[in-house]
Amino acid sequence: MDNQPHPHATLDKDEKVMIKQRKHWFVFVLDALGFFIAAFLPFIVFPLIDWIFPQVYDFFGQGPAFALFLFVGLVWLVLVWIMFFIAFTNYYLDILVVTNKRLIDIDQLGLFSRDIATIPFENIQDIKIQTIGIIPTLLKYGNIYIQTAGKNEEVIIRGIAHPERVKAQILKIYQNIGISEED
């Protein structure tokens, strides 16, 4: 397993990555479905404009109106394509890293913005998981709420795959740390 959690999160010398967990793939599929529908919008809107306002073709002429609609449609597709890859980048770079000392929640907010929350194990007070709905229950994804003793009282990790398993692994690591500190 790669011991570097992320290019923007550095580890101490004696710190090891125990878990790396991304959001569930279905969270991205839902976003991608919206972009897929948006990509076909010009093919629905432009014939509708022709049907409702036939004078547009009369005003511009058959050739120029088609060229204008084609240009606008292609610009629209390029914009949707760019937005799709921004959403994919956000999905791919959102990650929860659990080390033997702390949790690191890296939340990509845009192409040039990210939020990195670091929670030492000694500050964790409670971990709660939430799975709402039929699809999240069947596909096993949900939210993890981590109650801390620090300034940020609660950290929410949304759409994480297998939240029960992640919670169990975090608690196991937490208990192993507590046992090793008592010795």
N, C-alpha and C. Protein backbone atom coordinates (compact mmCIF):
# COMPACT_ATOMS: atom_id res chain seq x y z
N MET A 1 0.85 -1.18 0.00
CA MET A 1 0.00 0.00 0.00
C MET A 1 0.89 1.24 0.00
N ASP A 2 0.51 2.18 -0.79
CA ASP A 2 1.24 3.44 -0.87
C ASP A 2 1.16 4.15 0.48
N ASN A 3 2.31 4.59 0.99
CA ASN A 3 2.32 5.21 2.31
C ASN A 3 2.09 6.72 2.25
N GLN A 4 1.98 7.30 1.07
CA GLN A 4 1.66 8.72 0.96
C GLN A 4 0.15 8.86 0.75
N PRO A 5 -0.54 9.57 1.62
CA PRO A 5 -2.00 9.67 1.52
C PRO A 5 -2.45 10.51 0.34
N HIS A 6 -1.72 11.56 0.05
CA HIS A 6 -2.15 12.53 -0.95
C HIS A 6 -0.98 13.49 -1.13
N PRO A 7 -0.83 14.08 -2.32
CA PRO A 7 0.29 15.00 -2.51
C PRO A 7 0.28 16.20 -1.56
N HIS A 8 -0.89 16.55 -1.01
CA HIS A 8 -0.99 17.75 -0.18
C HIS A 8 -1.12 17.43 1.31
N ALA A 9 -0.94 16.17 1.69
CA ALA A 9 -0.98 15.79 3.10
C ALA A 9 0.28 14.99 3.40
N THR A 10 1.11 15.51 4.25
CA THR A 10 2.36 14.84 4.58
C THR A 10 2.22 14.07 5.88
N LEU A 11 3.00 13.01 6.00
CA LEU A 11 2.95 12.16 7.18
C LEU A 11 4.19 12.35 8.02
N ASP A 12 4.06 12.04 9.31
CA ASP A 12 5.22 12.01 10.20
C ASP A 12 6.06 10.78 9.87
N LYS A 13 7.28 10.73 10.43
CA LYS A 13 8.18 9.60 10.15
C LYS A 13 7.60 8.26 10.58
N ASP A 14 7.00 8.20 11.76
CA ASP A 14 6.49 6.93 12.27
C ASP A 14 5.00 6.72 11.99
N GLU A 15 4.46 7.46 11.04
CA GLU A 15 3.04 7.37 10.72
C GLU A 15 2.84 6.51 9.47
N LYS A 16 1.87 5.59 9.53
CA LYS A 16 1.59 4.70 8.41
C LYS A 16 0.13 4.84 7.99
N VAL A 17 -0.12 4.77 6.69
CA VAL A 17 -1.48 4.80 6.16
C VAL A 17 -2.12 3.44 6.40
N MET A 18 -3.27 3.45 7.05
CA MET A 18 -3.99 2.22 7.34
C MET A 18 -5.17 2.01 6.38
N ILE A 19 -5.88 3.11 6.07
CA ILE A 19 -7.05 3.05 5.20
C ILE A 19 -7.04 4.25 4.26
N LYS A 20 -7.37 4.03 3.01
CA LYS A 20 -7.68 5.10 2.06
C LYS A 20 -9.05 4.78 1.50
N GLN A 21 -9.98 5.69 1.66
CA GLN A 21 -11.34 5.42 1.22
C GLN A 21 -11.88 6.61 0.45
N ARG A 22 -12.39 6.35 -0.74
CA ARG A 22 -13.00 7.39 -1.57
C ARG A 22 -14.52 7.35 -1.41
N LYS A 23 -15.14 8.33 -2.04
CA LYS A 23 -16.59 8.30 -2.12
C LYS A 23 -17.01 7.11 -2.97
N HIS A 24 -18.23 6.68 -2.79
CA HIS A 24 -18.76 5.57 -3.57
C HIS A 24 -18.90 5.97 -5.03
N TRP A 25 -18.70 5.02 -5.93
CA TRP A 25 -18.76 5.31 -7.37
C TRP A 25 -20.14 5.80 -7.78
N PHE A 26 -21.19 5.38 -7.09
CA PHE A 26 -22.55 5.78 -7.48
C PHE A 26 -22.78 7.27 -7.26
N VAL A 27 -22.08 7.87 -6.31
CA VAL A 27 -22.18 9.32 -6.08
C VAL A 27 -21.74 10.05 -7.35
N PHE A 28 -20.64 9.57 -7.96
CA PHE A 28 -20.19 10.18 -9.21
C PHE A 28 -21.14 9.87 -10.36
N VAL A 29 -21.70 8.67 -10.40
CA VAL A 29 -22.64 8.30 -11.47
C VAL A 29 -23.85 9.22 -11.47
N LEU A 30 -24.34 9.58 -10.29
CA LEU A 30 -25.47 10.51 -10.21
C LEU A 30 -25.11 11.87 -10.80
N ASP A 31 -23.91 12.36 -10.49
CA ASP A 31 -23.45 13.62 -11.09
C ASP A 31 -23.32 13.48 -12.59
N ALA A 32 -22.72 12.37 -13.04
CA ALA A 32 -22.49 12.15 -14.46
C ALA A 32 -23.81 12.04 -15.22
N LEU A 33 -24.83 11.49 -14.59
CA LEU A 33 -26.14 11.39 -15.22
C LEU A 33 -26.71 12.77 -15.53
N GLY A 34 -26.52 13.70 -14.62
CA GLY A 34 -26.96 15.08 -14.86
C GLY A 34 -26.23 15.70 -16.04
N PHE A 35 -24.92 15.44 -16.15
CA PHE A 35 -24.16 15.97 -17.29
C PHE A 35 -24.58 15.30 -18.60
N PHE A 36 -24.89 14.01 -18.53
CA PHE A 36 -25.35 13.28 -19.72
C PHE A 36 -26.67 13.86 -20.23
N ILE A 37 -27.57 14.15 -19.32
CA ILE A 37 -28.86 14.76 -19.70
C ILE A 37 -28.62 16.16 -20.25
N ALA A 38 -27.74 16.92 -19.61
CA ALA A 38 -27.44 18.28 -20.07
C ALA A 38 -26.80 18.27 -21.45
N ALA A 39 -26.03 17.23 -21.78
CA ALA A 39 -25.37 17.16 -23.08
C ALA A 39 -26.39 17.03 -24.22
N PHE A 40 -27.52 16.39 -23.94
CA PHE A 40 -28.54 16.20 -24.98
C PHE A 40 -29.55 17.33 -25.05
N LEU A 41 -29.43 18.29 -24.17
CA LEU A 41 -30.37 19.42 -24.15
C LEU A 41 -30.46 20.17 -25.48
N PRO A 42 -29.34 20.50 -26.14
CA PRO A 42 -29.46 21.22 -27.42
C PRO A 42 -30.23 20.44 -28.48
N PHE A 43 -30.11 19.12 -28.45
CA PHE A 43 -30.80 18.30 -29.44
C PHE A 43 -32.31 18.26 -29.19
N ILE A 44 -32.73 18.66 -28.00
CA ILE A 44 -34.15 18.74 -27.67
C ILE A 44 -34.65 20.17 -27.84
N VAL A 45 -33.85 21.14 -27.39
CA VAL A 45 -34.27 22.54 -27.39
C VAL A 45 -34.34 23.12 -28.80
N PHE A 46 -33.32 22.85 -29.62
CA PHE A 46 -33.29 23.46 -30.96
C PHE A 46 -34.44 23.00 -31.86
N PRO A 47 -34.78 21.72 -31.93
CA PRO A 47 -35.98 21.36 -32.69
C PRO A 47 -37.26 21.95 -32.11
N LEU A 48 -37.29 22.10 -30.77
CA LEU A 48 -38.45 22.71 -30.12
C LEU A 48 -38.58 24.17 -30.53
N ILE A 49 -37.45 24.88 -30.60
CA ILE A 49 -37.47 26.28 -31.05
C ILE A 49 -37.98 26.36 -32.48
N ASP A 50 -37.53 25.46 -33.32
CA ASP A 50 -37.98 25.43 -34.72
C ASP A 50 -39.48 25.16 -34.81
N TRP A 51 -39.97 24.30 -33.93
CA TRP A 51 -41.38 23.94 -33.97
C TRP A 51 -42.25 25.08 -33.42
N ILE A 52 -41.80 25.73 -32.31
CA ILE A 52 -42.58 26.80 -31.69
C ILE A 52 -42.42 28.12 -32.43
N PHE A 53 -41.19 28.44 -32.86
CA PHE A 53 -40.90 29.70 -33.55
C PHE A 53 -40.33 29.42 -34.94
N PRO A 54 -41.14 29.03 -35.89
CA PRO A 54 -40.61 28.73 -37.23
C PRO A 54 -40.06 29.98 -37.94
N GLN A 55 -40.42 31.15 -37.47
CA GLN A 55 -39.94 32.38 -38.09
C GLN A 55 -38.43 32.59 -37.88
N VAL A 56 -37.81 31.87 -36.92
CA VAL A 56 -36.36 31.98 -36.72
C VAL A 56 -35.64 31.54 -37.99
N TYR A 57 -36.08 30.42 -38.56
CA TYR A 57 -35.47 29.97 -39.81
C TYR A 57 -35.77 30.93 -40.95
N ASP A 58 -36.97 31.51 -40.94
CA ASP A 58 -37.32 32.48 -41.99
C ASP A 58 -36.46 33.74 -41.87
N PHE A 59 -36.18 34.17 -40.63
CA PHE A 59 -35.41 35.40 -40.41
C PHE A 59 -33.94 35.21 -40.79
N PHE A 60 -33.34 34.12 -40.28
CA PHE A 60 -31.92 33.89 -40.55
C PHE A 60 -31.67 33.19 -41.87
N GLY A 61 -32.64 32.44 -42.33
CA GLY A 61 -32.43 31.58 -43.49
C GLY A 61 -32.06 30.19 -43.01
N GLN A 62 -32.31 29.20 -43.84
CA GLN A 62 -32.10 27.81 -43.45
C GLN A 62 -30.64 27.53 -43.07
N GLY A 63 -29.69 27.94 -43.87
CA GLY A 63 -28.27 27.66 -43.63
C GLY A 63 -27.71 28.39 -42.42
N PRO A 64 -27.84 29.73 -42.35
CA PRO A 64 -27.28 30.46 -41.19
C PRO A 64 -27.91 30.05 -39.87
N ALA A 65 -29.19 29.78 -39.82
CA ALA A 65 -29.83 29.37 -38.57
C ALA A 65 -29.29 28.02 -38.12
N PHE A 66 -29.11 27.10 -39.06
CA PHE A 66 -28.55 25.80 -38.71
C PHE A 66 -27.12 25.95 -38.20
N ALA A 67 -26.33 26.79 -38.85
CA ALA A 67 -24.94 27.01 -38.44
C ALA A 67 -24.89 27.62 -37.04
N LEU A 68 -25.78 28.58 -36.75
CA LEU A 68 -25.84 29.18 -35.43
C LEU A 68 -26.21 28.16 -34.37
N PHE A 69 -27.23 27.36 -34.64
CA PHE A 69 -27.65 26.33 -33.70
C PHE A 69 -26.54 25.29 -33.51
N LEU A 70 -25.85 24.94 -34.57
CA LEU A 70 -24.75 23.98 -34.48
C LEU A 70 -23.61 24.55 -33.63
N PHE A 71 -23.26 25.81 -33.85
CA PHE A 71 -22.20 26.44 -33.08
C PHE A 71 -22.56 26.50 -31.59
N VAL A 72 -23.76 26.97 -31.28
CA VAL A 72 -24.21 27.07 -29.89
C VAL A 72 -24.25 25.67 -29.25
N GLY A 73 -24.72 24.69 -30.01
CA GLY A 73 -24.78 23.32 -29.50
C GLY A 73 -23.41 22.75 -29.19
N LEU A 74 -22.44 23.01 -30.06
CA LEU A 74 -21.08 22.51 -29.83
C LEU A 74 -20.40 23.22 -28.66
N VAL A 75 -20.62 24.52 -28.54
CA VAL A 75 -20.08 25.25 -27.39
C VAL A 75 -20.68 24.69 -26.11
N TRP A 76 -21.97 24.42 -26.13
CA TRP A 76 -22.65 23.84 -24.98
C TRP A 76 -22.03 22.48 -24.62
N LEU A 77 -21.79 21.62 -25.61
CA LEU A 77 -21.19 20.31 -25.36
C LEU A 77 -19.79 20.43 -24.76
N VAL A 78 -19.00 21.39 -25.23
CA VAL A 78 -17.66 21.59 -24.68
C VAL A 78 -17.75 22.03 -23.22
N LEU A 79 -18.67 22.93 -22.92
CA LEU A 79 -18.85 23.38 -21.52
C LEU A 79 -19.30 22.23 -20.61
N VAL A 80 -20.23 21.42 -21.10
CA VAL A 80 -20.69 20.27 -20.30
C VAL A 80 -19.53 19.29 -20.10
N TRP A 81 -18.73 19.07 -21.14
CA TRP A 81 -17.58 18.18 -21.06
C TRP A 81 -16.57 18.67 -20.02
N ILE A 82 -16.30 19.97 -20.01
CA ILE A 82 -15.37 20.56 -19.03
C ILE A 82 -15.94 20.41 -17.62
N MET A 83 -17.23 20.69 -17.45
CA MET A 83 -17.85 20.56 -16.13
C MET A 83 -17.85 19.10 -15.66
N PHE A 84 -18.01 18.16 -16.59
CA PHE A 84 -17.95 16.74 -16.26
C PHE A 84 -16.57 16.39 -15.70
N PHE A 85 -15.52 16.87 -16.34
CA PHE A 85 -14.18 16.54 -15.86
C PHE A 85 -13.83 17.26 -14.56
N ILE A 86 -14.40 18.42 -14.33
CA ILE A 86 -14.22 19.08 -13.03
C ILE A 86 -14.90 18.24 -11.94
N ALA A 87 -16.11 17.73 -12.24
CA ALA A 87 -16.81 16.88 -11.27
C ALA A 87 -16.03 15.59 -11.03
N PHE A 88 -15.45 15.01 -12.09
CA PHE A 88 -14.66 13.80 -11.93
C PHE A 88 -13.41 14.07 -11.08
N THR A 89 -12.77 15.21 -11.32
CA THR A 89 -11.59 15.59 -10.52
C THR A 89 -11.97 15.74 -9.06
N ASN A 90 -13.09 16.39 -8.79
CA ASN A 90 -13.55 16.54 -7.40
C ASN A 90 -13.82 15.18 -6.77
N TYR A 91 -14.46 14.28 -7.53
CA TYR A 91 -14.75 12.94 -7.01
C TYR A 91 -13.45 12.18 -6.74
N TYR A 92 -12.53 12.22 -7.68
CA TYR A 92 -11.31 11.43 -7.57
C TYR A 92 -10.38 11.92 -6.46
N LEU A 93 -10.36 13.22 -6.23
CA LEU A 93 -9.45 13.77 -5.23
C LEU A 93 -10.05 13.87 -3.83
N ASP A 94 -11.36 13.62 -3.70
CA ASP A 94 -11.97 13.53 -2.36
C ASP A 94 -11.58 12.19 -1.76
N ILE A 95 -10.94 12.21 -0.60
CA ILE A 95 -10.47 10.95 -0.03
C ILE A 95 -10.40 11.07 1.50
N LEU A 96 -10.68 9.97 2.15
CA LEU A 96 -10.51 9.87 3.59
C LEU A 96 -9.30 8.96 3.82
N VAL A 97 -8.32 9.47 4.55
CA VAL A 97 -7.11 8.69 4.86
C VAL A 97 -7.06 8.51 6.37
N VAL A 98 -6.92 7.26 6.79
CA VAL A 98 -6.78 6.95 8.21
C VAL A 98 -5.38 6.40 8.41
N THR A 99 -4.63 7.07 9.27
CA THR A 99 -3.28 6.60 9.60
C THR A 99 -3.31 5.99 10.99
N ASN A 100 -2.19 5.58 11.47
CA ASN A 100 -2.13 5.02 12.81
C ASN A 100 -2.17 6.11 13.89
N LYS A 101 -2.21 7.41 13.48
CA LYS A 101 -2.25 8.51 14.44
C LYS A 101 -3.45 9.45 14.28
N ARG A 102 -4.00 9.52 13.07
CA ARG A 102 -5.04 10.54 12.81
C ARG A 102 -5.87 10.20 11.59
N LEU A 103 -6.95 10.95 11.43
CA LEU A 103 -7.78 10.90 10.23
C LEU A 103 -7.50 12.14 9.41
N ILE A 104 -7.40 11.98 8.10
CA ILE A 104 -7.20 13.11 7.20
C ILE A 104 -8.34 13.07 6.18
N ASP A 105 -9.19 14.08 6.20
CA ASP A 105 -10.29 14.18 5.25
C ASP A 105 -9.93 15.24 4.23
N ILE A 106 -9.68 14.82 2.99
CA ILE A 106 -9.33 15.74 1.92
C ILE A 106 -10.57 15.92 1.05
N ASP A 107 -11.07 17.14 1.02
CA ASP A 107 -12.29 17.45 0.28
C ASP A 107 -11.95 18.44 -0.82
N GLN A 108 -11.96 17.96 -2.06
CA GLN A 108 -11.67 18.83 -3.21
C GLN A 108 -12.92 19.65 -3.50
N LEU A 109 -12.78 20.98 -3.47
CA LEU A 109 -13.93 21.88 -3.62
C LEU A 109 -14.06 22.43 -5.04
N GLY A 110 -13.04 22.32 -5.82
CA GLY A 110 -13.00 22.81 -7.19
C GLY A 110 -11.64 22.48 -7.76
N LEU A 111 -11.34 22.99 -8.92
CA LEU A 111 -10.03 22.68 -9.50
C LEU A 111 -8.88 23.23 -8.67
N PHE A 112 -9.07 24.38 -8.07
CA PHE A 112 -7.97 25.04 -7.38
C PHE A 112 -8.25 25.28 -5.90
N SER A 113 -9.12 24.48 -5.32
CA SER A 113 -9.48 24.69 -3.93
C SER A 113 -9.75 23.34 -3.26
N ARG A 114 -9.19 23.17 -2.08
CA ARG A 114 -9.45 21.95 -1.32
C ARG A 114 -9.48 22.29 0.16
N ASP A 115 -10.17 21.44 0.89
CA ASP A 115 -10.27 21.59 2.34
C ASP A 115 -9.70 20.31 2.95
N ILE A 116 -8.68 20.44 3.79
CA ILE A 116 -8.06 19.28 4.42
C ILE A 116 -8.29 19.39 5.92
N ALA A 117 -9.04 18.44 6.46
CA ALA A 117 -9.30 18.39 7.89
C ALA A 117 -8.49 17.24 8.49
N THR A 118 -7.73 17.54 9.52
CA THR A 118 -6.92 16.54 10.20
C THR A 118 -7.45 16.38 11.62
N ILE A 119 -7.75 15.14 11.98
CA ILE A 119 -8.31 14.86 13.29
C ILE A 119 -7.42 13.85 14.01
N PRO A 120 -6.70 14.27 15.03
CA PRO A 120 -5.93 13.29 15.82
C PRO A 120 -6.89 12.33 16.53
N PHE A 121 -6.47 11.08 16.68
CA PHE A 121 -7.34 10.09 17.31
C PHE A 121 -7.76 10.49 18.72
N GLU A 122 -6.89 11.18 19.44
CA GLU A 122 -7.25 11.55 20.81
C GLU A 122 -8.37 12.59 20.86
N ASN A 123 -8.65 13.28 19.74
CA ASN A 123 -9.73 14.27 19.70
C ASN A 123 -11.06 13.68 19.26
N ILE A 124 -11.08 12.44 18.82
CA ILE A 124 -12.33 11.83 18.37
C ILE A 124 -13.14 11.42 19.58
N GLN A 125 -14.39 11.91 19.62
CA GLN A 125 -15.28 11.57 20.72
C GLN A 125 -16.32 10.54 20.31
N ASP A 126 -16.80 10.63 19.06
CA ASP A 126 -17.85 9.71 18.61
C ASP A 126 -17.82 9.63 17.09
N ILE A 127 -18.20 8.46 16.56
CA ILE A 127 -18.32 8.27 15.12
C ILE A 127 -19.71 7.72 14.85
N LYS A 128 -20.44 8.40 13.99
CA LYS A 128 -21.80 7.98 13.65
C LYS A 128 -21.88 7.82 12.14
N ILE A 129 -22.59 6.80 11.69
CA ILE A 129 -22.80 6.64 10.25
C ILE A 129 -24.28 6.82 9.95
N GLN A 130 -24.55 7.26 8.72
CA GLN A 130 -25.93 7.50 8.30
C GLN A 130 -26.09 7.03 6.87
N THR A 131 -27.04 6.11 6.66
CA THR A 131 -27.37 5.63 5.33
C THR A 131 -28.87 5.82 5.17
N ILE A 132 -29.25 6.71 4.24
CA ILE A 132 -30.67 7.03 4.06
C ILE A 132 -31.09 6.64 2.65
N GLY A 133 -32.11 5.83 2.54
CA GLY A 133 -32.67 5.48 1.24
C GLY A 133 -32.38 4.05 0.82
N ILE A 134 -33.11 3.61 -0.18
CA ILE A 134 -32.99 2.23 -0.67
C ILE A 134 -31.68 2.03 -1.42
N ILE A 135 -31.37 2.93 -2.35
CA ILE A 135 -30.17 2.77 -3.17
C ILE A 135 -28.90 2.84 -2.32
N PRO A 136 -28.74 3.83 -1.44
CA PRO A 136 -27.55 3.82 -0.58
C PRO A 136 -27.45 2.57 0.29
N THR A 137 -28.57 2.06 0.76
CA THR A 137 -28.55 0.85 1.58
C THR A 137 -28.11 -0.35 0.75
N LEU A 138 -28.66 -0.49 -0.46
CA LEU A 138 -28.29 -1.62 -1.31
C LEU A 138 -26.85 -1.54 -1.79
N LEU A 139 -26.39 -0.33 -2.14
CA LEU A 139 -25.03 -0.15 -2.66
C LEU A 139 -24.00 0.09 -1.56
N LYS A 140 -24.47 0.18 -0.33
CA LYS A 140 -23.60 0.33 0.85
C LYS A 140 -22.73 1.58 0.80
N TYR A 141 -23.40 2.72 0.77
CA TYR A 141 -22.68 3.98 0.94
C TYR A 141 -23.52 4.91 1.79
N GLY A 142 -22.84 5.88 2.41
CA GLY A 142 -23.53 6.81 3.28
C GLY A 142 -22.58 7.87 3.81
N ASN A 143 -22.99 8.49 4.89
CA ASN A 143 -22.22 9.57 5.49
C ASN A 143 -21.62 9.10 6.81
N ILE A 144 -20.45 9.65 7.11
CA ILE A 144 -19.81 9.41 8.40
C ILE A 144 -19.71 10.75 9.12
N TYR A 145 -20.19 10.78 10.34
CA TYR A 145 -20.13 11.98 11.19
C TYR A 145 -19.12 11.69 12.29
N ILE A 146 -18.08 12.50 12.38
CA ILE A 146 -17.06 12.32 13.40
C ILE A 146 -17.12 13.49 14.36
N GLN A 147 -17.51 13.20 15.58
CA GLN A 147 -17.60 14.21 16.64
C GLN A 147 -16.23 14.36 17.25
N THR A 148 -15.75 15.62 17.31
CA THR A 148 -14.40 15.87 17.83
C THR A 148 -14.45 16.82 19.02
N ALA A 149 -13.33 16.89 19.71
CA ALA A 149 -13.20 17.79 20.85
C ALA A 149 -12.56 19.11 20.43
N GLY A 150 -12.23 19.26 19.17
CA GLY A 150 -11.55 20.47 18.70
C GLY A 150 -12.51 21.59 18.36
N LYS A 151 -11.96 22.59 17.63
CA LYS A 151 -12.76 23.75 17.22
C LYS A 151 -13.91 23.34 16.32
N ASN A 152 -13.60 22.55 15.29
CA ASN A 152 -14.64 22.03 14.41
C ASN A 152 -15.27 20.84 15.13
N GLU A 153 -16.45 21.04 15.68
CA GLU A 153 -17.05 20.03 16.54
C GLU A 153 -17.44 18.77 15.79
N GLU A 154 -17.81 18.88 14.50
CA GLU A 154 -18.22 17.70 13.75
C GLU A 154 -17.70 17.77 12.33
N VAL A 155 -17.10 16.67 11.89
CA VAL A 155 -16.62 16.55 10.52
C VAL A 155 -17.55 15.58 9.82
N ILE A 156 -18.05 15.97 8.65
CA ILE A 156 -18.98 15.14 7.90
C ILE A 156 -18.30 14.69 6.61
N ILE A 157 -18.28 13.39 6.38
CA ILE A 157 -17.73 12.82 5.16
C ILE A 157 -18.90 12.21 4.42
N ARG A 158 -19.29 12.82 3.32
CA ARG A 158 -20.50 12.43 2.60
C ARG A 158 -20.21 11.43 1.48
N GLY A 159 -21.14 10.49 1.31
CA GLY A 159 -21.10 9.58 0.17
C GLY A 159 -19.97 8.57 0.21
N ILE A 160 -19.47 8.23 1.38
CA ILE A 160 -18.33 7.32 1.49
C ILE A 160 -18.79 5.88 1.27
N ALA A 161 -17.97 5.12 0.59
CA ALA A 161 -18.28 3.71 0.35
C ALA A 161 -18.07 2.91 1.63
N HIS A 162 -18.97 1.98 1.89
CA HIS A 162 -18.90 1.06 3.04
C HIS A 162 -18.64 1.79 4.36
N PRO A 163 -19.55 2.68 4.77
CA PRO A 163 -19.30 3.44 6.00
C PRO A 163 -19.21 2.57 7.26
N GLU A 164 -19.97 1.44 7.30
CA GLU A 164 -19.89 0.57 8.48
C GLU A 164 -18.50 -0.03 8.61
N ARG A 165 -17.96 -0.48 7.48
CA ARG A 165 -16.63 -1.08 7.50
C ARG A 165 -15.56 -0.05 7.87
N VAL A 166 -15.69 1.16 7.33
CA VAL A 166 -14.73 2.22 7.65
C VAL A 166 -14.79 2.56 9.13
N LYS A 167 -16.00 2.68 9.67
CA LYS A 167 -16.15 2.97 11.11
C LYS A 167 -15.52 1.86 11.95
N ALA A 168 -15.77 0.61 11.58
CA ALA A 168 -15.20 -0.51 12.34
C ALA A 168 -13.67 -0.50 12.28
N GLN A 169 -13.11 -0.19 11.11
CA GLN A 169 -11.66 -0.14 10.98
C GLN A 169 -11.06 1.01 11.79
N ILE A 170 -11.75 2.16 11.78
CA ILE A 170 -11.27 3.30 12.56
C ILE A 170 -11.29 2.95 14.05
N LEU A 171 -12.38 2.35 14.51
CA LEU A 171 -12.48 1.97 15.92
C LEU A 171 -11.44 0.92 16.30
N LYS A 172 -11.15 -0.01 15.39
CA LYS A 172 -10.12 -1.02 15.64
C LYS A 172 -8.75 -0.37 15.79
N ILE A 173 -8.43 0.56 14.89
CA ILE A 173 -7.15 1.27 14.96
C ILE A 173 -7.09 2.08 16.26
N TYR A 174 -8.20 2.74 16.60
CA TYR A 174 -8.28 3.55 17.82
C TYR A 174 -8.04 2.69 19.05
N GLN A 175 -8.66 1.50 19.09
CA GLN A 175 -8.48 0.60 20.24
C GLN A 175 -7.05 0.08 20.30
N ASN A 176 -6.46 -0.24 19.16
CA ASN A 176 -5.06 -0.72 19.14
C ASN A 176 -4.10 0.36 19.63
N ILE A 177 -4.38 1.61 19.30
CA ILE A 177 -3.55 2.71 19.79
C ILE A 177 -3.70 2.83 21.30
N GLY A 178 -4.93 2.72 21.80
CA GLY A 178 -5.16 2.80 23.23
C GLY A 178 -4.46 1.69 23.99
N ILE A 179 -4.45 0.48 23.42
CA ILE A 179 -3.79 -0.66 24.06
C ILE A 179 -2.28 -0.45 24.08
N SER A 180 -1.73 0.03 22.96
CA SER A 180 -0.27 0.20 22.89
C SER A 180 0.19 1.34 23.79
N GLU A 181 -0.66 2.35 24.01
CA GLU A 181 -0.27 3.47 24.88
C GLU A 181 -0.32 3.08 26.35
N GLU A 182 -1.20 2.10 26.72
CA GLU A 182 -1.31 1.68 28.10
C GLU A 182 -0.10 0.86 28.53
N ASP A 183 0.52 0.12 27.60
CA ASP A 183 1.67 -0.74 27.92
C ASP A 183 2.89 0.03 28.30
